[in-house]
Amino acid sequence: MGRLADLRRLEAQIIDASQDDNADDEHDPEGATIAWDRAQTLALAEEARARIDEIGSALARIAVGWDGRCASCDQPIDHERLLARPTTDRCIRCA
């Protein structure tokens, strides 16, 4: 959640910095454009939101007594997979 908050602040800073700037950054040979910076920040924020949703779903499964079985094939998910991807609800075969 902290990462998402940081990304939202960064997006606001990018927008604020470009409000009074009339520069044509699309043709700036010095580096990335403001549009690219904003798109990158938005993509990272969406990834952070998706991760928060995954964690919420995993916690909800645990709260109702989830037994570690695959949501697709109903076979037990390997312990090593759950250690590597604790929010997964699928075994490696069904992933």
N, C-alpha and C. Protein backbone atom coordinates (compact mmCIF):
# COMPACT_ATOMS: atom_id res chain seq x y z
N MET A 1 0.83 -1.19 0.00
CA MET A 1 0.00 0.00 0.00
C MET A 1 0.88 1.25 0.00
N GLY A 2 2.03 1.13 0.69
CA GLY A 2 2.97 2.25 0.68
C GLY A 2 3.52 2.52 -0.70
N ARG A 3 3.81 1.43 -1.44
CA ARG A 3 4.31 1.56 -2.81
C ARG A 3 3.28 2.25 -3.69
N LEU A 4 2.03 1.88 -3.56
CA LEU A 4 0.97 2.50 -4.34
C LEU A 4 0.84 3.98 -4.00
N ALA A 5 0.91 4.31 -2.74
CA ALA A 5 0.83 5.72 -2.32
C ALA A 5 2.00 6.51 -2.89
N ASP A 6 3.19 5.93 -2.87
CA ASP A 6 4.37 6.59 -3.44
C ASP A 6 4.18 6.84 -4.94
N LEU A 7 3.65 5.86 -5.64
CA LEU A 7 3.43 6.01 -7.09
C LEU A 7 2.37 7.06 -7.39
N ARG A 8 1.35 7.14 -6.57
CA ARG A 8 0.33 8.18 -6.77
C ARG A 8 0.93 9.57 -6.56
N ARG A 9 1.80 9.69 -5.55
CA ARG A 9 2.48 10.98 -5.32
C ARG A 9 3.38 11.32 -6.51
N LEU A 10 4.09 10.33 -7.02
CA LEU A 10 4.97 10.56 -8.16
C LEU A 10 4.17 10.99 -9.38
N GLU A 11 3.04 10.36 -9.62
CA GLU A 11 2.19 10.75 -10.75
C GLU A 11 1.74 12.20 -10.60
N ALA A 12 1.33 12.56 -9.40
CA ALA A 12 0.90 13.95 -9.16
C ALA A 12 2.06 14.92 -9.39
N GLN A 13 3.25 14.55 -8.99
CA GLN A 13 4.42 15.40 -9.22
C GLN A 13 4.71 15.55 -10.71
N ILE A 14 4.58 14.48 -11.46
CA ILE A 14 4.80 14.55 -12.91
C ILE A 14 3.78 15.48 -13.55
N ILE A 15 2.53 15.34 -13.15
CA ILE A 15 1.48 16.20 -13.70
C ILE A 15 1.72 17.65 -13.31
N ASP A 16 2.01 17.89 -12.03
CA ASP A 16 2.27 19.26 -11.57
C ASP A 16 3.46 19.88 -12.30
N ALA A 17 4.51 19.11 -12.50
CA ALA A 17 5.72 19.64 -13.15
C ALA A 17 5.46 20.01 -14.60
N SER A 18 4.51 19.34 -15.23
CA SER A 18 4.27 19.61 -16.65
C SER A 18 3.17 20.64 -16.88
N GLN A 19 2.46 21.07 -15.84
CA GLN A 19 1.35 22.01 -15.99
C GLN A 19 1.79 23.35 -16.59
N ASP A 20 2.88 23.88 -16.10
CA ASP A 20 3.33 25.19 -16.54
C ASP A 20 4.41 25.11 -17.60
N ASP A 21 4.73 23.91 -18.05
CA ASP A 21 5.80 23.72 -19.03
C ASP A 21 5.20 23.58 -20.42
N ASN A 22 5.66 24.39 -21.33
CA ASN A 22 5.16 24.37 -22.69
C ASN A 22 6.13 23.64 -23.61
N ALA A 23 7.05 22.89 -23.04
CA ALA A 23 8.08 22.23 -23.83
C ALA A 23 7.50 21.10 -24.68
N ASP A 24 8.14 20.89 -25.81
CA ASP A 24 7.77 19.79 -26.69
C ASP A 24 8.64 18.60 -26.33
N ASP A 25 8.26 17.88 -25.28
CA ASP A 25 9.11 16.80 -24.80
C ASP A 25 9.06 15.57 -25.70
N GLU A 26 8.12 15.51 -26.62
CA GLU A 26 8.04 14.37 -27.53
C GLU A 26 9.25 14.31 -28.47
N HIS A 27 9.90 15.43 -28.67
CA HIS A 27 11.04 15.48 -29.58
C HIS A 27 12.34 15.85 -28.86
N ASP A 28 12.35 15.68 -27.57
CA ASP A 28 13.53 16.01 -26.77
C ASP A 28 14.56 14.89 -26.89
N PRO A 29 15.74 15.18 -27.43
CA PRO A 29 16.76 14.14 -27.60
C PRO A 29 17.45 13.77 -26.30
N GLU A 30 17.14 14.46 -25.22
CA GLU A 30 17.83 14.24 -23.95
C GLU A 30 17.31 13.06 -23.15
N GLY A 31 16.20 12.46 -23.52
CA GLY A 31 15.73 11.34 -22.73
C GLY A 31 14.25 11.07 -22.87
N ALA A 32 13.71 10.42 -21.86
CA ALA A 32 12.31 9.99 -21.87
C ALA A 32 11.37 11.18 -21.84
N THR A 33 10.18 10.98 -22.36
CA THR A 33 9.19 12.04 -22.39
C THR A 33 8.36 12.04 -21.11
N ILE A 34 7.70 13.16 -20.88
CA ILE A 34 6.80 13.25 -19.73
C ILE A 34 5.68 12.22 -19.89
N ALA A 35 5.20 12.05 -21.11
CA ALA A 35 4.14 11.07 -21.35
C ALA A 35 4.62 9.66 -21.00
N TRP A 36 5.86 9.34 -21.36
CA TRP A 36 6.40 8.02 -21.04
C TRP A 36 6.53 7.86 -19.53
N ASP A 37 7.04 8.88 -18.85
CA ASP A 37 7.19 8.82 -17.39
C ASP A 37 5.83 8.59 -16.73
N ARG A 38 4.83 9.29 -17.21
CA ARG A 38 3.50 9.14 -16.62
C ARG A 38 2.93 7.75 -16.92
N ALA A 39 3.08 7.27 -18.14
CA ALA A 39 2.59 5.93 -18.49
C ALA A 39 3.29 4.86 -17.66
N GLN A 40 4.58 5.01 -17.47
CA GLN A 40 5.35 4.05 -16.67
C GLN A 40 4.85 4.05 -15.22
N THR A 41 4.63 5.22 -14.68
CA THR A 41 4.14 5.34 -13.31
C THR A 41 2.75 4.73 -13.17
N LEU A 42 1.89 4.99 -14.14
CA LEU A 42 0.54 4.41 -14.10
C LEU A 42 0.59 2.89 -14.19
N ALA A 43 1.47 2.35 -15.02
CA ALA A 43 1.60 0.89 -15.13
C ALA A 43 2.09 0.28 -13.82
N LEU A 44 3.05 0.92 -13.19
CA LEU A 44 3.55 0.42 -11.91
C LEU A 44 2.48 0.50 -10.82
N ALA A 45 1.68 1.56 -10.86
CA ALA A 45 0.59 1.70 -9.89
C ALA A 45 -0.46 0.61 -10.10
N GLU A 46 -0.77 0.31 -11.35
CA GLU A 46 -1.74 -0.75 -11.64
C GLU A 46 -1.21 -2.10 -11.16
N GLU A 47 0.07 -2.34 -11.35
CA GLU A 47 0.69 -3.57 -10.86
C GLU A 47 0.60 -3.66 -9.33
N ALA A 48 0.83 -2.54 -8.66
CA ALA A 48 0.74 -2.51 -7.19
C ALA A 48 -0.69 -2.78 -6.74
N ARG A 49 -1.67 -2.18 -7.44
CA ARG A 49 -3.09 -2.42 -7.11
C ARG A 49 -3.44 -3.90 -7.30
N ALA A 50 -2.96 -4.49 -8.37
CA ALA A 50 -3.24 -5.91 -8.63
C ALA A 50 -2.63 -6.78 -7.53
N ARG A 51 -1.44 -6.43 -7.09
CA ARG A 51 -0.79 -7.19 -6.01
C ARG A 51 -1.59 -7.08 -4.71
N ILE A 52 -2.08 -5.89 -4.41
CA ILE A 52 -2.91 -5.69 -3.21
C ILE A 52 -4.17 -6.54 -3.31
N ASP A 53 -4.78 -6.60 -4.51
CA ASP A 53 -5.97 -7.43 -4.70
C ASP A 53 -5.64 -8.91 -4.50
N GLU A 54 -4.48 -9.36 -5.02
CA GLU A 54 -4.06 -10.76 -4.83
C GLU A 54 -3.93 -11.09 -3.34
N ILE A 55 -3.32 -10.19 -2.61
CA ILE A 55 -3.13 -10.41 -1.17
C ILE A 55 -4.48 -10.46 -0.46
N GLY A 56 -5.38 -9.55 -0.82
CA GLY A 56 -6.71 -9.55 -0.23
C GLY A 56 -7.46 -10.85 -0.50
N SER A 57 -7.35 -11.34 -1.73
CA SER A 57 -8.01 -12.60 -2.08
C SER A 57 -7.42 -13.77 -1.29
N ALA A 58 -6.11 -13.78 -1.16
CA ALA A 58 -5.46 -14.86 -0.40
C ALA A 58 -5.88 -14.82 1.06
N LEU A 59 -5.93 -13.65 1.64
CA LEU A 59 -6.36 -13.52 3.04
C LEU A 59 -7.81 -13.96 3.22
N ALA A 60 -8.65 -13.64 2.24
CA ALA A 60 -10.06 -14.06 2.31
C ALA A 60 -10.17 -15.58 2.23
N ARG A 61 -9.37 -16.21 1.37
CA ARG A 61 -9.39 -17.68 1.28
C ARG A 61 -8.98 -18.30 2.62
N ILE A 62 -7.94 -17.76 3.21
CA ILE A 62 -7.45 -18.27 4.49
C ILE A 62 -8.51 -18.08 5.58
N ALA A 63 -9.18 -16.94 5.56
CA ALA A 63 -10.19 -16.64 6.59
C ALA A 63 -11.35 -17.63 6.57
N VAL A 64 -11.66 -18.19 5.41
CA VAL A 64 -12.78 -19.15 5.34
C VAL A 64 -12.30 -20.60 5.40
N GLY A 65 -11.00 -20.78 5.74
CA GLY A 65 -10.50 -22.13 5.96
C GLY A 65 -9.93 -22.83 4.74
N TRP A 66 -9.43 -22.08 3.79
CA TRP A 66 -8.84 -22.67 2.57
C TRP A 66 -7.81 -23.71 2.96
N ASP A 67 -7.85 -24.84 2.30
CA ASP A 67 -6.98 -25.96 2.65
C ASP A 67 -5.77 -26.11 1.71
N GLY A 68 -5.51 -25.14 0.88
CA GLY A 68 -4.33 -25.19 0.00
C GLY A 68 -4.53 -25.99 -1.26
N ARG A 69 -5.77 -26.21 -1.63
CA ARG A 69 -6.05 -26.96 -2.85
C ARG A 69 -6.20 -26.01 -4.04
N CYS A 70 -5.83 -26.51 -5.20
CA CYS A 70 -5.90 -25.75 -6.44
C CYS A 70 -7.35 -25.40 -6.78
N ALA A 71 -7.57 -24.15 -7.14
CA ALA A 71 -8.92 -23.70 -7.50
C ALA A 71 -9.40 -24.32 -8.81
N SER A 72 -8.47 -24.84 -9.60
CA SER A 72 -8.83 -25.41 -10.89
C SER A 72 -9.02 -26.92 -10.85
N CYS A 73 -8.02 -27.65 -10.33
CA CYS A 73 -8.07 -29.12 -10.37
C CYS A 73 -8.35 -29.76 -9.01
N ASP A 74 -8.40 -28.96 -7.96
CA ASP A 74 -8.69 -29.40 -6.59
C ASP A 74 -7.62 -30.32 -5.99
N GLN A 75 -6.45 -30.35 -6.59
CA GLN A 75 -5.33 -31.10 -6.04
C GLN A 75 -4.56 -30.20 -5.09
N PRO A 76 -3.86 -30.76 -4.10
CA PRO A 76 -3.07 -29.92 -3.18
C PRO A 76 -1.98 -29.16 -3.93
N ILE A 77 -1.80 -27.91 -3.58
CA ILE A 77 -0.72 -27.10 -4.15
C ILE A 77 0.55 -27.42 -3.39
N ASP A 78 1.64 -27.68 -4.12
CA ASP A 78 2.92 -28.02 -3.49
C ASP A 78 3.35 -26.93 -2.51
N HIS A 79 3.88 -27.38 -1.39
CA HIS A 79 4.35 -26.47 -0.34
C HIS A 79 5.38 -25.48 -0.90
N GLU A 80 6.29 -25.96 -1.74
CA GLU A 80 7.32 -25.09 -2.31
C GLU A 80 6.71 -23.98 -3.16
N ARG A 81 5.64 -24.32 -3.89
CA ARG A 81 4.98 -23.29 -4.70
C ARG A 81 4.34 -22.24 -3.80
N LEU A 82 3.71 -22.68 -2.74
CA LEU A 82 3.09 -21.71 -1.83
C LEU A 82 4.14 -20.84 -1.14
N LEU A 83 5.32 -21.39 -0.88
CA LEU A 83 6.39 -20.58 -0.32
C LEU A 83 6.87 -19.53 -1.33
N ALA A 84 6.95 -19.93 -2.59
CA ALA A 84 7.42 -19.02 -3.63
C ALA A 84 6.36 -18.00 -4.03
N ARG A 85 5.10 -18.43 -4.05
CA ARG A 85 3.99 -17.57 -4.46
C ARG A 85 2.84 -17.72 -3.46
N PRO A 86 2.96 -17.09 -2.32
CA PRO A 86 1.98 -17.31 -1.25
C PRO A 86 0.56 -16.86 -1.59
N THR A 87 0.38 -16.05 -2.60
CA THR A 87 -0.97 -15.60 -2.95
C THR A 87 -1.62 -16.46 -4.03
N THR A 88 -0.93 -17.47 -4.51
CA THR A 88 -1.50 -18.29 -5.59
C THR A 88 -2.66 -19.13 -5.12
N ASP A 89 -3.57 -19.41 -6.04
CA ASP A 89 -4.65 -20.34 -5.75
C ASP A 89 -4.67 -21.47 -6.79
N ARG A 90 -3.58 -21.59 -7.54
CA ARG A 90 -3.46 -22.62 -8.56
C ARG A 90 -2.16 -23.39 -8.40
N CYS A 91 -2.23 -24.68 -8.69
CA CYS A 91 -1.01 -25.49 -8.68
C CYS A 91 -0.18 -25.14 -9.92
N ILE A 92 1.02 -25.63 -9.96
CA ILE A 92 1.92 -25.30 -11.08
C ILE A 92 1.36 -25.83 -12.40
N ARG A 93 0.68 -26.96 -12.38
CA ARG A 93 0.12 -27.54 -13.61
C ARG A 93 -1.01 -26.67 -14.16
N CYS A 94 -1.77 -26.06 -13.30
CA CYS A 94 -2.92 -25.26 -13.73
C CYS A 94 -2.62 -23.76 -13.88
N ALA A 95 -1.46 -23.35 -13.45
CA ALA A 95 -1.13 -21.92 -13.48
C ALA A 95 -1.02 -21.36 -14.88
